[in-house]
PDB file of N, CA and C in Angstrom:
ATOM      1  N   MET A   1      65.018 121.850 -74.713  1.00  0.00           N
ATOM      2  CA  MET A   1      64.341 120.852 -74.114  1.00  0.00           C
ATOM      3  C   MET A   1      64.183 121.314 -72.597  1.00  0.00           C
ATOM      4  N   LEU A   2      62.789 120.651 -72.516  1.00  0.00           N
ATOM      5  CA  LEU A   2      62.081 120.350 -71.494  1.00  0.00           C
ATOM      6  C   LEU A   2      61.982 119.312 -70.999  1.00  0.00           C
ATOM      7  N   ILE A   3      62.679 119.975 -69.481  1.00  0.00           N
ATOM      8  CA  ILE A   3      63.373 118.856 -68.142  1.00  0.00           C
ATOM      9  C   ILE A   3      62.678 118.341 -66.768  1.00  0.00           C
ATOM     10  N   ALA A   4      62.291 117.329 -66.985  1.00  0.00           N
ATOM     11  CA  ALA A   4      61.548 117.427 -65.191  1.00  0.00           C
ATOM     12  C   ALA A   4      62.324 116.703 -64.687  1.00  0.00           C
ATOM     13  N   LEU A   5      62.876 118.481 -63.200  1.00  0.00           N
ATOM     14  CA  LEU A   5      63.601 118.099 -62.446  1.00  0.00           C
ATOM     15  C   LEU A   5      62.551 117.383 -61.208  1.00  0.00           C
ATOM     16  N   ILE A   6      62.404 116.069 -60.282  1.00  0.00           N
ATOM     17  CA  ILE A   6      62.142 116.044 -59.401  1.00  0.00           C
ATOM     18  C   ILE A   6      63.060 115.349 -58.108  1.00  0.00           C
ATOM     19  N   ALA A   7      62.801 116.027 -57.600  1.00  0.00           N
ATOM     20  CA  ALA A   7      63.623 116.209 -55.619  1.00  0.00           C
ATOM     21  C   ALA A   7      63.412 115.656 -54.926  1.00  0.00           C
ATOM     22  N   ARG A   8      63.917 114.929 -53.816  1.00  0.00           N
ATOM     23  CA  ARG A   8      62.845 114.603 -53.236  1.00  0.00           C
ATOM     24  C   ARG A   8      63.975 115.216 -51.727  1.00  0.00           C
ATOM     25  N   ASP A   9      63.408 115.748 -50.185  1.00  0.00           N
ATOM     26  CA  ASP A   9      63.741 116.317 -49.704  1.00  0.00           C
ATOM     27  C   ASP A   9      63.879 115.218 -49.122  1.00  0.00           C
ATOM     28  N   LYS A  10      65.040 115.323 -48.216  1.00  0.00           N
ATOM     29  CA  LYS A  10      65.141 114.663 -47.237  1.00  0.00           C
ATOM     30  C   LYS A  10      65.015 114.715 -45.761  1.00  0.00           C
ATOM     31  N   PRO A  11      64.055 113.644 -44.680  1.00  0.00           N
ATOM     32  CA  PRO A  11      63.739 113.674 -43.890  1.00  0.00           C
ATOM     33  C   PRO A  11      63.831 114.290 -43.058  1.00  0.00           C
ATOM     34  N   ASP A  12      62.639 115.549 -42.557  1.00  0.00           N
ATOM     35  CA  ASP A  12      62.950 116.246 -41.115  1.00  0.00           C
ATOM     36  C   ASP A  12      63.880 117.222 -41.715  1.00  0.00           C
ATOM     37  N   HIS A  13      64.021 117.813 -43.302  1.00  0.00           N
ATOM     38  CA  HIS A  13      64.177 118.877 -43.384  1.00  0.00           C
ATOM     39  C   HIS A  13      64.000 120.428 -43.712  1.00  0.00           C
ATOM     40  N   LEU A  14      62.051 120.369 -43.458  1.00  0.00           N
ATOM     41  CA  LEU A  14      61.103 120.949 -43.636  1.00  0.00           C
ATOM     42  C   LEU A  14      61.986 122.771 -43.006  1.00  0.00           C
ATOM     43  N   GLN A  15      62.776 123.003 -42.111  1.00  0.00           N
ATOM     44  CA  GLN A  15      63.106 123.978 -42.011  1.00  0.00           C
ATOM     45  C   GLN A  15      64.185 123.739 -42.705  1.00  0.00           C
ATOM     46  N   THR A  16      65.294 123.198 -43.788  1.00  0.00           N
ATOM     47  CA  THR A  16      66.099 123.584 -43.864  1.00  0.00           C
ATOM     48  C   THR A  16      65.201 123.677 -46.239  1.00  0.00           C
ATOM     49  N   ARG A  17      64.679 123.865 -45.836  1.00  0.00           N
ATOM     50  CA  ARG A  17      63.601 124.440 -47.147  1.00  0.00           C
ATOM     51  C   ARG A  17      62.940 125.404 -46.625  1.00  0.00           C
ATOM     52  N   LYS A  18      62.715 126.007 -45.774  1.00  0.00           N
ATOM     53  CA  LYS A  18      61.715 127.226 -45.123  1.00  0.00           C
ATOM     54  C   LYS A  18      62.615 128.432 -45.181  1.00  0.00           C
ATOM     55  N   ASP A  19      64.400 127.770 -44.628  1.00  0.00           N
ATOM     56  CA  ASP A  19      65.306 128.535 -44.684  1.00  0.00           C
ATOM     57  C   ASP A  19      66.427 129.188 -46.183  1.00  0.00           C
ATOM     58  N   ASN A  20      66.159 128.577 -47.012  1.00  0.00           N
ATOM     59  CA  ASN A  20      66.378 128.655 -47.993  1.00  0.00           C
ATOM     60  C   ASN A  20      65.785 128.644 -49.211  1.00  0.00           C
ATOM     61  N   ARG A  21      64.252 129.070 -48.654  1.00  0.00           N
ATOM     62  CA  ARG A  21      62.826 129.666 -49.452  1.00  0.00           C
ATOM     63  C   ARG A  21      63.395 130.387 -51.528  1.00  0.00           C
ATOM     64  N   ALA A  22      63.336 131.426 -50.168  1.00  0.00           N
ATOM     65  CA  ALA A  22      63.674 132.849 -51.008  1.00  0.00           C
ATOM     66  C   ALA A  22      64.820 132.735 -51.815  1.00  0.00           C
ATOM     67  N   ALA A  23      65.907 132.184 -51.680  1.00  0.00           N
ATOM     68  CA  ALA A  23      67.103 132.237 -52.116  1.00  0.00           C
ATOM     69  C   ALA A  23      66.643 131.417 -53.373  1.00  0.00           C
ATOM     70  N   HIS A  24      65.575 130.650 -53.024  1.00  0.00           N
ATOM     71  CA  HIS A  24      65.765 129.625 -54.224  1.00  0.00           C
ATOM     72  C   HIS A  24      64.628 130.137 -55.234  1.00  0.00           C
ATOM     73  N   LEU A  25      64.125 130.497 -54.592  1.00  0.00           N
ATOM     74  CA  LEU A  25      62.801 131.333 -55.916  1.00  0.00           C
ATOM     75  C   LEU A  25      64.109 132.368 -56.824  1.00  0.00           C
ATOM     76  N   ALA A  26      64.629 133.238 -55.328  1.00  0.00           N
ATOM     77  CA  ALA A  26      64.636 134.852 -56.251  1.00  0.00           C
ATOM     78  C   ALA A  26      65.973 133.779 -57.574  1.00  0.00           C
ATOM     79  N   TYR A  27      66.965 132.535 -57.275  1.00  0.00           N
ATOM     80  CA  TYR A  27      67.328 131.709 -58.357  1.00  0.00           C
ATOM     81  C   TYR A  27      66.594 131.204 -59.368  1.00  0.00           C
ATOM     82  N   ILE A  28      64.821 130.635 -59.183  1.00  0.00           N
ATOM     83  CA  ILE A  28      64.818 130.885 -60.443  1.00  0.00           C
ATOM     84  C   ILE A  28      64.124 131.994 -60.433  1.00  0.00           C
ATOM     85  N   GLU A  29      63.428 133.336 -60.673  1.00  0.00           N
ATOM     86  CA  GLU A  29      63.934 134.327 -60.976  1.00  0.00           C
ATOM     87  C   GLU A  29      65.156 134.060 -62.414  1.00  0.00           C
ATOM     88  N   GLU A  30      66.459 134.956 -62.006  1.00  0.00           N
ATOM     89  CA  GLU A  30      67.215 135.491 -62.256  1.00  0.00           C
ATOM     90  C   GLU A  30      67.322 134.772 -63.413  1.00  0.00           C
ATOM     91  N   THR A  31      67.603 132.904 -63.519  1.00  0.00           N
ATOM     92  CA  THR A  31      67.677 132.577 -64.511  1.00  0.00           C
ATOM     93  C   THR A  31      67.082 132.235 -65.970  1.00  0.00           C
ATOM     94  N   GLY A  32      65.883 132.266 -65.232  1.00  0.00           N
ATOM     95  CA  GLY A  32      64.435 132.674 -65.914  1.00  0.00           C
ATOM     96  C   GLY A  32      64.865 131.024 -67.083  1.00  0.00           C
ATOM     97  N   SER A  33      64.858 130.309 -66.389  1.00  0.00           N
ATOM     98  CA  SER A  33      64.656 128.927 -66.709  1.00  0.00           C
ATOM     99  C   SER A  33      63.867 127.842 -66.969  1.00  0.00           C
ATOM    100  N   VAL A  34      62.944 128.477 -65.953  1.00  0.00           N
ATOM    101  CA  VAL A  34      62.251 127.122 -64.960  1.00  0.00           C
ATOM    102  C   VAL A  34      60.560 127.482 -66.352  1.00  0.00           C
ATOM    103  N   ALA A  35      60.097 126.462 -66.879  1.00  0.00           N
ATOM    104  CA  ALA A  35      58.562 126.685 -67.416  1.00  0.00           C
ATOM    105  C   ALA A  35      57.704 127.077 -66.043  1.00  0.00           C
ATOM    106  N   GLN A  36      57.909 125.798 -65.482  1.00  0.00           N
ATOM    107  CA  GLN A  36      56.993 125.524 -64.633  1.00  0.00           C
ATOM    108  C   GLN A  36      57.224 124.804 -62.933  1.00  0.00           C
ATOM    109  N   ALA A  37      57.027 125.570 -62.037  1.00  0.00           N
ATOM    110  CA  ALA A  37      57.174 124.627 -60.257  1.00  0.00           C
ATOM    111  C   ALA A  37      56.656 124.643 -59.129  1.00  0.00           C
ATOM    112  N   GLY A  38      56.858 123.911 -59.039  1.00  0.00           N
ATOM    113  CA  GLY A  38      56.068 123.879 -57.065  1.00  0.00           C
ATOM    114  C   GLY A  38      56.870 122.342 -56.408  1.00  0.00           C
ATOM    115  N   PRO A  39      56.678 122.908 -54.841  1.00  0.00           N
ATOM    116  CA  PRO A  39      56.331 121.981 -54.291  1.00  0.00           C
ATOM    117  C   PRO A  39      55.989 120.483 -53.905  1.00  0.00           C
ATOM    118  N   LEU A  40      56.573 118.893 -53.630  1.00  0.00           N
ATOM    119  CA  LEU A  40      55.864 118.333 -53.781  1.00  0.00           C
ATOM    120  C   LEU A  40      55.188 118.432 -52.281  1.00  0.00           C
ATOM    121  N   LEU A  41      54.183 117.920 -52.555  1.00  0.00           N
ATOM    122  CA  LEU A  41      53.411 117.866 -50.505  1.00  0.00           C
ATOM    123  C   LEU A  41      53.522 116.458 -49.828  1.00  0.00           C
ATOM    124  N   ASP A  42      53.605 116.584 -49.052  1.00  0.00           N
ATOM    125  CA  ASP A  42      53.657 114.619 -47.092  1.00  0.00           C
ATOM    126  C   ASP A  42      52.591 115.289 -47.305  1.00  0.00           C
ATOM    127  N   GLN A  43      52.091 113.980 -46.413  1.00  0.00           N
ATOM    128  CA  GLN A  43      51.358 112.976 -46.244  1.00  0.00           C
ATOM    129  C   GLN A  43      50.202 114.530 -46.015  1.00  0.00           C
ATOM    130  N   ASP A  44      50.580 114.904 -44.920  1.00  0.00           N
ATOM    131  CA  ASP A  44      50.587 116.507 -43.914  1.00  0.00           C
ATOM    132  C   ASP A  44      50.240 117.669 -44.904  1.00  0.00           C
ATOM    133  N   GLY A  45      50.858 117.839 -45.855  1.00  0.00           N
ATOM    134  CA  GLY A  45      50.013 119.077 -47.032  1.00  0.00           C
ATOM    135  C   GLY A  45      51.769 119.871 -46.110  1.00  0.00           C
ATOM    136  N   ASN A  46      51.964 119.177 -45.550  1.00  0.00           N
ATOM    137  CA  ASN A  46      53.845 119.644 -46.269  1.00  0.00           C
ATOM    138  C   ASN A  46      54.909 119.443 -46.748  1.00  0.00           C
ATOM    139  N   MET A  47      55.364 120.790 -47.874  1.00  0.00           N
ATOM    140  CA  MET A  47      56.514 120.996 -48.034  1.00  0.00           C
ATOM    141  C   MET A  47      57.425 119.482 -48.398  1.00  0.00           C
ATOM    142  N   ALA A  48      57.365 119.164 -49.043  1.00  0.00           N
ATOM    143  CA  ALA A  48      58.942 117.675 -49.286  1.00  0.00           C
ATOM    144  C   ALA A  48      59.888 117.229 -50.185  1.00  0.00           C
ATOM    145  N   GLY A  49      59.496 118.528 -51.698  1.00  0.00           N
ATOM    146  CA  GLY A  49      59.995 117.690 -52.309  1.00  0.00           C
ATOM    147  C   GLY A  49      60.042 119.046 -53.823  1.00  0.00           C
ATOM    148  N   SER A  50      59.980 118.925 -54.469  1.00  0.00           N
ATOM    149  CA  SER A  50      59.891 119.976 -55.624  1.00  0.00           C
ATOM    150  C   SER A  50      60.337 119.573 -56.966  1.00  0.00           C
ATOM    151  N   LEU A  51      58.911 119.468 -58.184  1.00  0.00           N
ATOM    152  CA  LEU A  51      59.211 119.172 -58.561  1.00  0.00           C
ATOM    153  C   LEU A  51      59.025 120.762 -59.764  1.00  0.00           C
ATOM    154  N   ILE A  52      59.927 120.409 -61.298  1.00  0.00           N
ATOM    155  CA  ILE A  52      60.039 121.941 -61.319  1.00  0.00           C
ATOM    156  C   ILE A  52      60.908 121.576 -63.213  1.00  0.00           C
ATOM    157  N   ILE A  53      59.380 121.998 -64.441  1.00  0.00           N
ATOM    158  CA  ILE A  53      60.120 122.048 -65.598  1.00  0.00           C
ATOM    159  C   ILE A  53      60.854 122.893 -65.580  1.00  0.00           C
ATOM    160  N   LEU A  54      62.172 122.157 -66.183  1.00  0.00           N
ATOM    161  CA  LEU A  54      63.001 123.187 -66.806  1.00  0.00           C
ATOM    162  C   LEU A  54      63.614 123.216 -67.906  1.00  0.00           C
ATOM    163  N   ASP A  55      63.620 124.284 -69.019  1.00  0.00           N
ATOM    164  CA  ASP A  55      63.258 124.824 -70.228  1.00  0.00           C
ATOM    165  C   ASP A  55      65.034 124.866 -70.427  1.00  0.00           C
ATOM    166  N   VAL A  56      65.773 124.318 -71.284  1.00  0.00           N
ATOM    167  CA  VAL A  56      67.418 124.819 -71.369  1.00  0.00           C
ATOM    168  C   VAL A  56      67.898 123.571 -72.460  1.00  0.00           C
ATOM    169  N   ALA A  57      68.836 124.102 -73.155  1.00  0.00           N
ATOM    170  CA  ALA A  57      69.104 123.709 -74.462  1.00  0.00           C
ATOM    171  C   ALA A  57      69.624 121.872 -74.227  1.00  0.00           C
ATOM    172  N   ASP A  58      70.179 121.796 -73.644  1.00  0.00           N
ATOM    173  CA  ASP A  58      70.386 120.921 -73.115  1.00  0.00           C
ATOM    174  C   ASP A  58      70.305 120.032 -71.814  1.00  0.00           C
ATOM    175  N   MET A  59      70.587 118.289 -71.267  1.00  0.00           N
ATOM    176  CA  MET A  59      71.146 118.271 -69.482  1.00  0.00           C
ATOM    177  C   MET A  59      71.923 118.596 -69.553  1.00  0.00           C
ATOM    178  N   ALA A  60      73.548 119.017 -70.062  1.00  0.00           N
ATOM    179  CA  ALA A  60      74.357 119.386 -69.802  1.00  0.00           C
ATOM    180  C   ALA A  60      73.235 121.122 -68.550  1.00  0.00           C
ATOM    181  N   ALA A  61      72.627 121.879 -69.447  1.00  0.00           N
ATOM    182  CA  ALA A  61      72.310 123.094 -68.608  1.00  0.00           C
ATOM    183  C   ALA A  61      71.717 122.440 -67.427  1.00  0.00           C
ATOM    184  N   GLY A  62      70.863 121.505 -67.669  1.00  0.00           N
ATOM    185  CA  GLY A  62      69.619 121.528 -66.871  1.00  0.00           C
ATOM    186  C   GLY A  62      70.538 120.673 -65.570  1.00  0.00           C
ATOM    187  N   GLU A  63      71.246 119.606 -65.742  1.00  0.00           N
ATOM    188  CA  GLU A  63      72.192 120.029 -64.696  1.00  0.00           C
ATOM    189  C   GLU A  63      73.151 120.647 -63.425  1.00  0.00           C
ATOM    190  N   ALA A  64      73.466 121.071 -64.272  1.00  0.00           N
ATOM    191  CA  ALA A  64      74.623 122.873 -64.099  1.00  0.00           C
ATOM    192  C   ALA A  64      73.156 124.137 -63.333  1.00  0.00           C
ATOM    193  N   TRP A  65      72.058 123.561 -63.703  1.00  0.00           N
ATOM    194  CA  TRP A  65      70.851 124.696 -62.829  1.00  0.00           C
ATOM    195  C   TRP A  65      70.636 123.513 -62.410  1.00  0.00           C
ATOM    196  N   ALA A  66      70.840 122.727 -61.916  1.00  0.00           N
ATOM    197  CA  ALA A  66      69.871 121.509 -60.177  1.00  0.00           C
ATOM    198  C   ALA A  66      71.298 121.590 -59.839  1.00  0.00           C
ATOM    199  N   ALA A  67      72.218 121.572 -59.881  1.00  0.00           N
ATOM    200  CA  ALA A  67      73.639 122.106 -58.959  1.00  0.00           C
ATOM    201  C   ALA A  67      73.762 123.037 -58.654  1.00  0.00           C
ATOM    202  N   ASN A  68      73.630 124.289 -59.005  1.00  0.00           N
ATOM    203  CA  ASN A  68      73.384 125.758 -58.736  1.00  0.00           C
ATOM    204  C   ASN A  68      72.691 126.800 -57.964  1.00  0.00           C
ATOM    205  N   ASP A  69      71.618 125.106 -57.861  1.00  0.00           N
ATOM    206  CA  ASP A  69      69.837 125.515 -56.695  1.00  0.00           C
ATOM    207  C   ASP A  69      70.482 125.728 -55.026  1.00  0.00           C
ATOM    208  N   PRO A  70      69.752 126.703 -54.974  1.00  0.00           N
ATOM    209  CA  PRO A  70      70.222 127.303 -54.044  1.00  0.00           C
ATOM    210  C   PRO A  70      70.110 126.211 -52.642  1.00  0.00           C
ATOM    211  N   TYR A  71      68.678 125.120 -52.527  1.00  0.00           N
ATOM    212  CA  TYR A  71      67.752 124.154 -51.980  1.00  0.00           C
ATOM    213  C   TYR A  71      69.085 123.339 -52.258  1.00  0.00           C
ATOM    214  N   ASN A  72      69.495 122.453 -53.789  1.00  0.00           N
ATOM    215  CA  ASN A  72      70.304 121.157 -53.836  1.00  0.00           C
ATOM    216  C   ASN A  72      71.830 121.981 -52.578  1.00  0.00           C
ATOM    217  N   LYS A  73      72.282 122.991 -52.477  1.00  0.00           N
ATOM    218  CA  LYS A  73      73.489 123.649 -51.910  1.00  0.00           C
ATOM    219  C   LYS A  73      73.852 123.495 -50.507  1.00  0.00           C
ATOM    220  N   ALA A  74      72.246 124.393 -50.263  1.00  0.00           N
ATOM    221  CA  ALA A  74      71.865 124.284 -48.436  1.00  0.00           C
ATOM    222  C   ALA A  74      71.887 122.581 -48.414  1.00  0.00           C
ATOM    223  N   GLY A  75      71.792 121.320 -48.825  1.00  0.00           N
ATOM    224  CA  GLY A  75      71.676 119.715 -48.624  1.00  0.00           C
ATOM    225  C   GLY A  75      70.373 119.891 -48.654  1.00  0.00           C
ATOM    226  N   LEU A  76      69.523 120.607 -49.123  1.00  0.00           N
ATOM    227  CA  LEU A  76      67.866 119.981 -48.563  1.00  0.00           C
ATOM    228  C   LEU A  76      67.337 118.159 -49.548  1.00  0.00           C
ATOM    229  N   PHE A  77      68.197 118.631 -50.431  1.00  0.00           N
ATOM    230  CA  PHE A  77      67.762 116.624 -51.076  1.00  0.00           C
ATOM    231  C   PHE A  77      68.050 115.391 -51.791  1.00  0.00           C
ATOM    232  N   GLU A  78      67.254 114.919 -50.682  1.00  0.00           N
ATOM    233  CA  GLU A  78      67.643 112.664 -50.965  1.00  0.00           C
ATOM    234  C   GLU A  78      68.281 112.773 -51.603  1.00  0.00           C
ATOM    235  N   ALA A  79      67.450 112.907 -52.648  1.00  0.00           N
ATOM    236  CA  ALA A  79      66.997 112.410 -53.982  1.00  0.00           C
ATOM    237  C   ALA A  79      66.612 113.335 -55.044  1.00  0.00           C
ATOM    238  N   VAL A  80      67.549 113.509 -55.877  1.00  0.00           N
ATOM    239  CA  VAL A  80      67.528 114.197 -57.519  1.00  0.00           C
ATOM    240  C   VAL A  80      66.630 113.153 -58.832  1.00  0.00           C
ATOM    241  N   GLU A  81      66.377 113.727 -59.583  1.00  0.00           N
ATOM    242  CA  GLU A  81      66.240 112.980 -60.890  1.00  0.00           C
ATOM    243  C   GLU A  81      65.845 114.100 -61.713  1.00  0.00           C
ATOM    244  N   LEU A  82      66.833 113.890 -63.111  1.00  0.00           N
ATOM    245  CA  LEU A  82      66.506 114.867 -63.454  1.00  0.00           C
ATOM    246  C   LEU A  82      66.371 114.102 -64.912  1.00  0.00           C
ATOM    247  N   ILE A  83      64.407 114.608 -65.694  1.00  0.00           N
ATOM    248  CA  ILE A  83      64.380 113.561 -66.903  1.00  0.00           C
ATOM    249  C   ILE A  83      64.221 114.291 -68.367  1.00  0.00           C
ATOM    250  N   THR A  84      64.230 113.680 -69.625  1.00  0.00           N
ATOM    251  CA  THR A  84      64.151 114.713 -70.877  1.00  0.00           C
ATOM    252  C   THR A  84      62.395 114.396 -70.726  1.00  0.00           C
ATOM    253  N   TRP A  85      61.094 115.702 -70.941  1.00  0.00           N
ATOM    254  CA  TRP A  85      60.294 115.485 -70.894  1.00  0.00           C
ATOM    255  C   TRP A  85      59.488 116.413 -71.556  1.00  0.00           C
ATOM    256  N   ASN A  86      58.021 115.805 -72.067  1.00  0.00           N
ATOM    257  CA  ASN A  86      57.551 115.936 -73.772  1.00  0.00           C
ATOM    258  C   ASN A  86      56.185 116.421 -73.353  1.00  0.00           C
ATOM    259  N   LYS A  87      55.711 118.697 -73.327  1.00  0.00           N
ATOM    260  CA  LYS A  87      54.276 118.315 -72.882  1.00  0.00           C
ATOM    261  C   LYS A  87      53.593 118.440 -73.824  1.00  0.00           C
ATOM    262  N   VAL A  88      52.570 118.061 -73.683  1.00  0.00           N
ATOM    263  CA  VAL A  88      51.397 117.077 -74.714  1.00  0.00           C
ATOM    264  C   VAL A  88      50.299 118.307 -74.825  1.00  0.00           C
ATOM    265  N   ILE A  89      50.024 118.596 -73.014  1.00  0.00           N
ATOM    266  CA  ILE A  89      49.005 119.702 -73.127  1.00  0.00           C
ATOM    267  C   ILE A  89      48.407 120.285 -72.278  1.00  0.00           C
ATOM    268  N   GLY A  90      48.507 121.042 -72.319  1.00  0.00           N
ATOM    269  CA  GLY A  90      48.802 122.697 -71.503  1.00  0.00           C
ATOM    270  C   GLY A  90      48.824 123.449 -72.326  1.00  0.00           C
TER     271      GLY A  90
END
């Protein structure tokens, strides 16, 4: 099942993102559940959120992945949304 995880950072939390980026990227590598990912950018080109396409068994697995993401554990996100996604192109 493909799930789009869309997360928006709390205002003024760019340093939190930078401080936890290595752990976040290591988590992506170790879990093997991410099909695609990248940061959302603000108007100045700074990282301000995340778009992650998870390839997991079900929504519960997606929720567990999101809960254990080092960014989430560091309190980076203001909002997180998980949506079932259907790949059509690419």
